[in-house]
Amino acid sequence: MKLKITAALLLATISVQAQKIDVPRAFKAAAQRTDVLIKNVDSARKIKPNLVSPRTVEKGQLKMVVSRDWTSGFFPGELWYFYEYTKDKKWLELAKKYTEDIKKEQFNKGTHDLGFMIYCPFGNGYRVTKDTAYKSVIIQAAKSLSTRFNPKVGVIRSWDHSGTKWDYPVIIDNMMNLELLFEATKFTGDSSFYKIAISHADNTIKNHYRPDFSSYHVVDYDVNKGGVIKKTTAQGYADESSWARGQAWGLYGYTLMFRYTKSDKYLAQADAIAKYILNNKSTPADGIPYWDYNDPQIPNVSKDASAAAITASALYELAKYSKNAKTYKAAADQILHSLSTAYTSKIGDNYGFILEHSTGHRPNNSEIDVPINYADYYYIEALRRYQGKFNF
């Protein structure tokens, strides 16, 4: 009988001998690919200057996005990591250039994704340069994000579209935008940002998570009564399934919640989510999950390298706080080893994106088995964290 290798067996194996990551080689390879991407981006922008950031490759073509797209901040954020690692001023100038293109979104009150859009580039930019202009942008973005908080339901509204489908939708991804609020409190001393983040995180624990610590994707709230109307999905296989990237967002989000608050309830939540992810029987031996843990077509469906990269980065941080540090680091090492050796594009392929085999929105038949900019961002971040270099 052929033995099925599951995540549980994988952890038993990697606990004996952790994978070694050749970080200089991985960074060199990533930089070579990104050089290609920059040339392609510059060519695309000569035709359409309002398209500021590369998002993915669809139907064989480079897809660029405007600054208000939720993914616009990942590429400039990634460039800051390249500069921080190499100290090469080429990357500094590029990071500044592409960060500036996102600046106007600090005033955007129509999205919950300001953490991704603003904090990835401006947070890293401020951390690396201490340019106070970047700090001002972060503070304004936090003010804009705060306008989406409704004290009646105690959470930040995610989407304004599809009003016939839901009343006040909140997605698990929203946990990733709370870092922006915490930083704004640090910069200003205004605790209102901090309190919003706490309220959102607490209500997400209460309403998004199942007994096994898997997460729903979308929870719809009643703005009049304050309760939950329904729990559903938009990007997962089914309402009751576990969308892989959503689980990764939650892991990362509650890990950073512990970082900022030192509250044991957030550490316990992050530990429980990590256990769910790492012990999931559908995860293959290389640690890269399929797009949804409950898709009945596994293994004949797309994987999601972006979920893996987010998970690895989160596990490196969680290992700093948890008694399960060895397990988390070994699992993150396995994921990062797989990504750096088997999921990178060949130089010249995929317009210069680093990783391939991510899944964006499978139910919508969009971005399936493609490179995606947030996969690259969290992959580079995970490489830095493997080195013990954390962006906080």
Protein backbone atom coordinates (compact mmCIF):
# COMPACT_ATOMS: atom_id res chain seq x y z
CA MET A 1 0.00 0.00 0.00
CA LYS A 2 1.27 3.46 -0.92
CA LEU A 3 1.66 5.71 2.11
CA LYS A 4 -0.14 9.03 1.85
CA ILE A 5 2.17 11.77 3.12
CA THR A 6 0.17 14.29 5.13
CA ALA A 7 1.08 17.48 6.95
CA ALA A 8 1.19 15.58 10.26
CA LEU A 9 3.72 13.13 8.84
CA LEU A 10 5.58 16.03 7.31
CA LEU A 11 5.96 17.69 10.72
CA ALA A 12 7.22 14.44 12.24
CA THR A 13 9.86 14.30 9.52
CA ILE A 14 11.06 17.90 9.54
CA SER A 15 11.26 17.97 13.33
CA VAL A 16 14.24 15.66 13.03
CA GLN A 17 16.22 17.82 10.63
CA ALA A 18 15.16 21.30 9.58
CA GLN A 19 15.68 22.44 6.02
CA LYS A 20 18.53 24.82 5.28
CA ILE A 21 17.72 27.81 3.10
CA ASP A 22 20.41 29.35 0.91
CA VAL A 23 19.27 32.93 1.43
CA PRO A 24 21.97 34.66 -0.69
CA ARG A 25 21.14 32.37 -3.60
CA ALA A 26 17.40 32.87 -3.13
CA PHE A 27 17.73 36.66 -2.97
CA LYS A 28 20.00 36.73 -6.01
CA ALA A 29 17.50 34.65 -7.97
CA ALA A 30 14.62 36.85 -6.80
CA ALA A 31 16.48 40.02 -7.78
CA GLN A 32 17.27 38.66 -11.24
CA ARG A 33 13.61 37.97 -11.85
CA THR A 34 12.54 41.32 -10.44
CA ASP A 35 14.94 43.13 -12.78
CA VAL A 36 13.01 41.55 -15.63
CA LEU A 37 9.70 42.54 -14.06
CA ILE A 38 10.78 46.17 -13.69
CA LYS A 39 11.63 46.37 -17.40
CA ASN A 40 8.23 44.98 -18.28
CA VAL A 41 6.48 47.31 -15.86
CA ASP A 42 8.28 50.35 -17.26
CA SER A 43 7.25 49.35 -20.78
CA ALA A 44 3.62 48.91 -19.72
CA ARG A 45 3.54 52.27 -17.96
CA LYS A 46 4.72 54.10 -21.06
CA ILE A 47 1.44 53.01 -22.63
CA LYS A 48 -0.80 53.47 -19.57
CA PRO A 49 0.89 55.69 -16.93
CA ASN A 50 -2.04 55.33 -14.51
CA LEU A 51 -1.22 51.64 -14.05
CA VAL A 52 1.28 51.78 -11.23
CA SER A 53 1.94 48.26 -10.01
CA PRO A 54 2.25 44.73 -11.46
CA ARG A 55 -0.31 42.32 -10.02
CA THR A 56 -0.23 39.02 -11.92
CA VAL A 57 -0.14 37.32 -15.31
CA GLU A 58 -3.53 36.53 -16.84
CA LYS A 59 -4.02 34.72 -20.14
CA GLY A 60 -0.33 35.09 -20.79
CA GLN A 61 -0.35 38.87 -20.35
CA LEU A 62 1.09 41.09 -17.63
CA LYS A 63 -1.72 42.59 -15.54
CA MET A 64 -1.00 46.03 -14.12
CA VAL A 65 -3.24 47.83 -11.63
CA VAL A 66 -4.08 51.37 -10.57
CA SER A 67 -3.14 52.64 -7.12
CA ARG A 68 -6.60 51.96 -5.66
CA ASP A 69 -6.30 48.22 -6.34
CA TRP A 70 -5.92 46.28 -3.09
CA THR A 71 -2.65 44.74 -4.30
CA SER A 72 -0.95 47.99 -5.36
CA GLY A 73 1.35 48.23 -2.33
CA PHE A 74 2.99 44.83 -2.46
CA PHE A 75 5.43 45.54 -5.28
CA PRO A 76 6.91 48.72 -3.76
CA GLY A 77 6.97 46.98 -0.37
CA GLU A 78 8.99 44.17 -1.91
CA LEU A 79 11.44 46.70 -3.37
CA TRP A 80 12.09 48.06 0.13
CA TYR A 81 13.08 44.56 1.21
CA PHE A 82 15.53 44.32 -1.69
CA TYR A 83 17.12 47.61 -0.68
CA GLU A 84 17.29 46.64 2.98
CA TYR A 85 18.99 43.36 2.11
CA THR A 86 21.41 44.57 -0.57
CA LYS A 87 22.03 48.21 0.46
CA ASP A 88 22.11 48.87 -3.28
CA LYS A 89 20.81 52.38 -3.99
CA LYS A 90 19.28 51.12 -7.22
CA TRP A 91 16.61 49.42 -5.14
CA LEU A 92 16.22 52.48 -2.92
CA GLU A 93 15.39 54.69 -5.88
CA LEU A 94 12.97 52.14 -7.27
CA ALA A 95 11.29 51.68 -3.89
CA LYS A 96 10.83 55.43 -3.51
CA LYS A 97 9.47 55.77 -7.04
CA TYR A 98 6.83 53.06 -6.79
CA THR A 99 5.89 53.95 -3.21
CA GLU A 100 5.13 57.53 -4.24
CA ASP A 101 2.62 56.25 -6.79
CA ILE A 102 0.42 54.85 -3.99
CA LYS A 103 0.53 57.96 -1.81
CA LYS A 104 -2.87 59.39 -2.71
CA GLU A 105 -4.60 56.27 -1.36
CA GLN A 106 -3.99 57.51 2.18
CA PHE A 107 -7.26 59.42 1.72
CA ASN A 108 -9.21 56.46 0.33
CA LYS A 109 -12.15 55.73 2.63
CA GLY A 110 -13.74 53.27 0.22
CA THR A 111 -11.59 50.27 1.08
CA HIS A 112 -10.51 48.24 4.10
CA ASP A 113 -7.26 47.27 2.36
CA LEU A 114 -5.23 50.31 3.35
CA GLY A 115 -2.98 48.11 5.46
CA PHE A 116 -1.88 46.27 2.34
CA MET A 117 -1.89 49.32 0.09
CA ILE A 118 -0.22 51.81 2.43
CA TYR A 119 1.55 49.97 5.23
CA CYS A 120 3.48 47.51 3.04
CA PRO A 121 5.27 50.30 1.12
CA PHE A 122 5.13 53.22 3.53
CA GLY A 123 5.61 51.16 6.68
CA ASN A 124 8.70 49.51 5.28
CA GLY A 125 9.84 52.81 3.79
CA TYR A 126 9.59 54.56 7.15
CA ARG A 127 11.26 51.69 8.98
CA VAL A 128 14.22 51.73 6.61
CA THR A 129 14.64 55.49 6.05
CA LYS A 130 12.86 57.16 9.01
CA ASP A 131 11.44 59.65 6.52
CA THR A 132 8.75 61.48 8.50
CA ALA A 133 6.75 62.07 5.32
CA TYR A 134 6.09 58.33 5.23
CA LYS A 135 4.92 58.42 8.83
CA SER A 136 2.42 61.16 7.99
CA VAL A 137 0.95 59.03 5.20
CA ILE A 138 0.52 56.09 7.60
CA ILE A 139 -1.31 58.27 10.13
CA GLN A 140 -3.68 59.67 7.52
CA ALA A 141 -4.36 56.19 6.13
CA ALA A 142 -5.26 54.99 9.63
CA LYS A 143 -7.71 57.88 9.93
CA SER A 144 -9.27 56.89 6.62
CA LEU A 145 -9.51 53.24 7.62
CA SER A 146 -11.09 54.16 10.95
CA THR A 147 -14.07 55.69 9.17
CA ARG A 148 -15.07 52.15 8.14
CA PHE A 149 -15.48 51.05 11.75
CA ASN A 150 -19.03 50.74 13.04
CA PRO A 151 -19.21 50.60 16.86
CA LYS A 152 -22.63 48.91 16.71
CA VAL A 153 -21.13 45.77 15.18
CA GLY A 154 -17.61 46.37 16.49
CA VAL A 155 -15.77 45.59 13.26
CA ILE A 156 -14.34 47.34 10.21
CA ARG A 157 -16.45 46.97 7.09
CA SER A 158 -14.67 45.20 4.26
CA TRP A 159 -16.63 45.67 1.03
CA ASP A 160 -19.08 48.29 -0.20
CA HIS A 161 -20.10 46.37 -3.32
CA SER A 162 -22.78 43.67 -3.80
CA GLY A 163 -25.35 45.32 -1.53
CA THR A 164 -27.97 42.77 -2.54
CA LYS A 165 -25.74 39.94 -1.31
CA TRP A 166 -24.84 41.20 2.15
CA ASP A 167 -25.46 44.09 4.52
CA TYR A 168 -22.13 44.65 6.31
CA PRO A 169 -19.54 42.11 5.08
CA VAL A 170 -16.32 41.50 6.97
CA ILE A 171 -13.66 39.18 5.56
CA ILE A 172 -10.89 37.39 7.42
CA ASP A 173 -8.35 39.24 5.26
CA ASN A 174 -9.23 42.36 7.24
CA MET A 175 -7.06 41.15 10.12
CA MET A 176 -4.05 42.15 8.04
CA ASN A 177 -5.01 45.83 8.10
CA LEU A 178 -4.89 46.20 11.88
CA GLU A 179 -1.12 46.70 11.93
CA LEU A 180 -1.68 50.10 10.32
CA LEU A 181 -3.92 51.11 13.23
CA PHE A 182 -1.48 49.96 15.90
CA GLU A 183 1.34 51.89 14.27
CA ALA A 184 -0.80 55.01 14.09
CA THR A 185 -1.35 54.82 17.85
CA LYS A 186 2.41 54.48 18.38
CA PHE A 187 3.05 57.52 16.19
CA THR A 188 0.33 59.77 17.60
CA GLY A 189 -0.55 58.52 21.06
CA ASP A 190 -4.19 58.42 19.94
CA SER A 191 -5.62 55.22 21.45
CA SER A 192 -8.74 55.26 19.28
CA PHE A 193 -6.89 53.39 16.52
CA TYR A 194 -5.71 50.78 19.03
CA LYS A 195 -9.22 50.29 20.42
CA ILE A 196 -10.69 49.77 16.95
CA ALA A 197 -8.09 47.10 16.22
CA ILE A 198 -8.85 45.29 19.48
CA SER A 199 -12.60 45.39 18.89
CA HIS A 200 -12.23 44.07 15.37
CA ALA A 201 -9.90 41.25 16.40
CA ASP A 202 -12.09 40.17 19.31
CA ASN A 203 -15.27 40.08 17.26
CA THR A 204 -13.46 38.19 14.51
CA ILE A 205 -12.44 35.51 17.03
CA LYS A 206 -16.04 35.33 18.19
CA ASN A 207 -17.73 35.21 14.79
CA HIS A 208 -15.27 34.02 12.14
CA TYR A 209 -13.79 30.96 13.81
CA ARG A 210 -15.18 27.44 14.04
CA PRO A 211 -14.47 25.02 16.91
CA ASP A 212 -11.54 23.50 14.96
CA PHE A 213 -10.06 27.01 14.49
CA SER A 214 -10.62 27.14 10.78
CA SER A 215 -12.11 30.41 9.58
CA TYR A 216 -15.08 31.47 7.54
CA HIS A 217 -14.19 33.84 4.74
CA VAL A 218 -17.09 36.33 5.00
CA VAL A 219 -19.27 37.19 7.99
CA ASP A 220 -22.22 39.47 7.26
CA TYR A 221 -23.33 41.69 10.16
CA ASP A 222 -26.63 43.39 10.94
CA VAL A 223 -25.85 47.09 11.35
CA ASN A 224 -29.17 47.71 13.08
CA LYS A 225 -29.11 44.94 15.66
CA GLY A 226 -25.38 44.32 15.79
CA GLY A 227 -25.53 40.56 15.35
CA VAL A 228 -24.46 38.19 12.61
CA ILE A 229 -26.74 37.65 9.63
CA LYS A 230 -24.83 34.84 7.92
CA LYS A 231 -21.43 33.24 7.44
CA THR A 232 -20.37 32.53 3.90
CA THR A 233 -17.54 32.60 1.37
CA ALA A 234 -16.62 34.55 -1.72
CA GLN A 235 -13.29 33.02 -2.69
CA GLY A 236 -13.39 29.61 -1.03
CA TYR A 237 -14.81 26.30 -2.25
CA ALA A 238 -17.93 26.48 -0.06
CA ASP A 239 -19.36 28.40 2.88
CA GLU A 240 -18.20 25.76 5.35
CA SER A 241 -14.84 25.04 3.69
CA SER A 242 -11.42 26.38 4.66
CA TRP A 243 -10.02 28.69 2.03
CA ALA A 244 -6.25 28.32 2.34
CA ARG A 245 -5.25 31.95 2.03
CA GLY A 246 -7.91 32.93 4.53
CA GLN A 247 -6.39 30.60 7.11
CA ALA A 248 -2.99 32.19 6.42
CA TRP A 249 -4.36 35.72 6.86
CA GLY A 250 -5.79 34.74 10.22
CA LEU A 251 -2.55 33.16 11.40
CA TYR A 252 -0.57 36.22 10.45
CA GLY A 253 -3.19 38.59 11.86
CA TYR A 254 -3.41 37.05 15.34
CA THR A 255 0.35 36.71 15.54
CA LEU A 256 0.72 40.45 15.02
CA MET A 257 -2.10 41.02 17.51
CA PHE A 258 0.05 39.35 20.16
CA ARG A 259 3.06 41.39 19.07
CA TYR A 260 1.25 44.66 19.74
CA THR A 261 -0.80 43.72 22.81
CA LYS A 262 1.07 40.85 24.50
CA SER A 263 -2.37 39.43 25.32
CA ASP A 264 -2.28 35.66 25.81
CA LYS A 265 -5.67 35.20 24.14
CA TYR A 266 -4.18 36.28 20.81
CA LEU A 267 -1.19 33.99 21.21
CA ALA A 268 -3.56 31.12 22.01
CA GLN A 269 -5.60 31.96 18.91
CA ALA A 270 -2.51 32.05 16.68
CA ASP A 271 -1.29 28.74 18.15
CA ALA A 272 -4.66 27.11 17.48
CA ILE A 273 -4.78 28.38 13.88
CA ALA A 274 -1.22 27.15 13.31
CA LYS A 275 -2.18 23.72 14.63
CA TYR A 276 -5.13 23.58 12.24
CA ILE A 277 -2.95 24.52 9.26
CA LEU A 278 0.03 22.32 10.04
CA ASN A 279 -1.99 19.22 10.91
CA ASN A 280 -4.33 19.47 7.96
CA LYS A 281 -4.49 16.12 6.19
CA SER A 282 -4.89 17.66 2.73
CA THR A 283 -1.54 19.46 2.78
CA PRO A 284 1.09 17.74 0.62
CA ALA A 285 4.57 16.84 1.81
CA ASP A 286 6.16 20.00 0.43
CA GLY A 287 4.00 22.15 2.73
CA ILE A 288 2.36 24.15 -0.08
CA PRO A 289 -1.42 23.91 0.40
CA TYR A 290 -4.08 23.45 -2.21
CA TRP A 291 -6.19 26.56 -2.72
CA ASP A 292 -8.91 25.27 -0.33
CA TYR A 293 -8.33 22.57 2.26
CA ASN A 294 -11.75 21.06 1.57
CA ASP A 295 -11.89 20.96 -2.21
CA PRO A 296 -13.04 17.38 -2.97
CA GLN A 297 -10.98 17.38 -6.18
CA ILE A 298 -7.66 17.43 -4.26
CA PRO A 299 -5.01 16.62 -5.51
CA ASN A 300 -6.29 17.54 -8.97
CA VAL A 301 -6.71 21.25 -8.22
CA SER A 302 -4.44 24.28 -8.06
CA LYS A 303 -2.14 24.99 -5.14
CA ASP A 304 -1.62 28.39 -3.55
CA ALA A 305 1.98 29.47 -3.13
CA SER A 306 0.75 32.80 -1.77
CA ALA A 307 -0.96 31.08 1.17
CA ALA A 308 2.25 29.16 1.79
CA ALA A 309 4.42 32.30 1.75
CA ILE A 310 2.09 34.15 4.14
CA THR A 311 2.02 31.13 6.45
CA ALA A 312 5.81 30.75 6.48
CA SER A 313 6.33 34.42 7.30
CA ALA A 314 3.75 34.25 10.09
CA LEU A 315 5.25 31.06 11.56
CA TYR A 316 8.69 32.63 11.82
CA GLU A 317 7.23 35.41 13.92
CA LEU A 318 5.01 33.11 15.94
CA ALA A 319 8.07 31.02 16.75
CA LYS A 320 9.44 34.06 18.62
CA TYR A 321 6.53 33.96 21.06
CA SER A 322 5.26 30.40 21.32
CA LYS A 323 6.40 27.33 23.24
CA ASN A 324 6.00 25.51 19.93
CA ALA A 325 8.89 27.47 18.41
CA LYS A 326 10.84 24.47 17.06
CA THR A 327 7.81 23.02 15.32
CA TYR A 328 6.86 26.34 13.76
CA LYS A 329 10.35 27.14 12.55
CA ALA A 330 10.80 23.67 11.08
CA ALA A 331 7.47 23.94 9.25
CA ALA A 332 8.31 27.41 7.96
CA ASP A 333 11.72 26.20 6.83
CA GLN A 334 10.10 23.36 4.88
CA ILE A 335 7.68 25.73 3.18
CA LEU A 336 10.39 28.25 2.36
CA HIS A 337 12.69 25.53 1.03
CA SER A 338 9.91 24.28 -1.23
CA LEU A 339 9.10 27.77 -2.51
CA SER A 340 12.74 28.66 -3.18
CA THR A 341 13.58 25.41 -4.97
CA ALA A 342 10.41 24.26 -6.73
CA TYR A 343 8.02 27.21 -7.07
CA THR A 344 10.19 29.95 -8.58
CA SER A 345 9.76 31.08 -12.16
CA LYS A 346 12.55 30.58 -14.64
CA ILE A 347 14.37 33.81 -15.45
CA GLY A 348 12.43 35.50 -18.22
CA ASP A 349 9.21 33.61 -17.56
CA ASN A 350 6.06 35.12 -16.05
CA TYR A 351 7.24 38.64 -16.94
CA GLY A 352 9.66 38.52 -14.00
CA PHE A 353 7.43 37.55 -11.07
CA ILE A 354 9.36 35.44 -8.56
CA LEU A 355 6.94 32.68 -7.55
CA GLU A 356 4.46 30.72 -9.63
CA HIS A 357 1.52 28.46 -8.74
CA SER A 358 -0.67 30.82 -6.71
CA THR A 359 -4.46 30.95 -6.78
CA GLY A 360 -6.31 34.24 -6.46
CA HIS A 361 -10.05 33.70 -6.98
CA ARG A 362 -10.81 30.21 -8.21
CA PRO A 363 -14.64 30.38 -7.90
CA ASN A 364 -14.53 33.40 -10.22
CA ASN A 365 -12.16 31.56 -12.58
CA SER A 366 -9.63 34.32 -11.95
CA GLU A 367 -5.88 34.12 -11.28
CA ILE A 368 -5.61 30.34 -11.14
CA ASP A 369 -2.14 28.79 -11.04
CA VAL A 370 -0.38 32.08 -11.76
CA PRO A 371 2.24 34.37 -10.21
CA ILE A 372 0.79 37.03 -7.88
CA ASN A 373 2.54 40.02 -6.31
CA TYR A 374 1.53 39.28 -2.72
CA ALA A 375 3.06 35.79 -2.99
CA ASP A 376 6.35 37.44 -3.93
CA TYR A 377 6.08 40.02 -1.13
CA TYR A 378 5.54 37.52 1.66
CA TYR A 379 8.14 35.16 0.19
CA ILE A 380 10.80 37.89 0.39
CA GLU A 381 9.59 38.79 3.88
CA ALA A 382 9.85 35.14 4.92
CA LEU A 383 13.44 34.99 3.64
CA ARG A 384 14.28 37.99 5.82
CA ARG A 385 12.58 36.44 8.81
CA TYR A 386 14.43 33.17 8.27
CA GLN A 387 17.56 35.28 8.78
CA GLY A 388 16.13 36.64 12.02
CA LYS A 389 15.40 40.03 10.46
CA PHE A 390 11.90 41.21 11.29
CA ASN A 391 10.09 44.21 9.86
CA PHE A 392 9.05 45.62 13.25
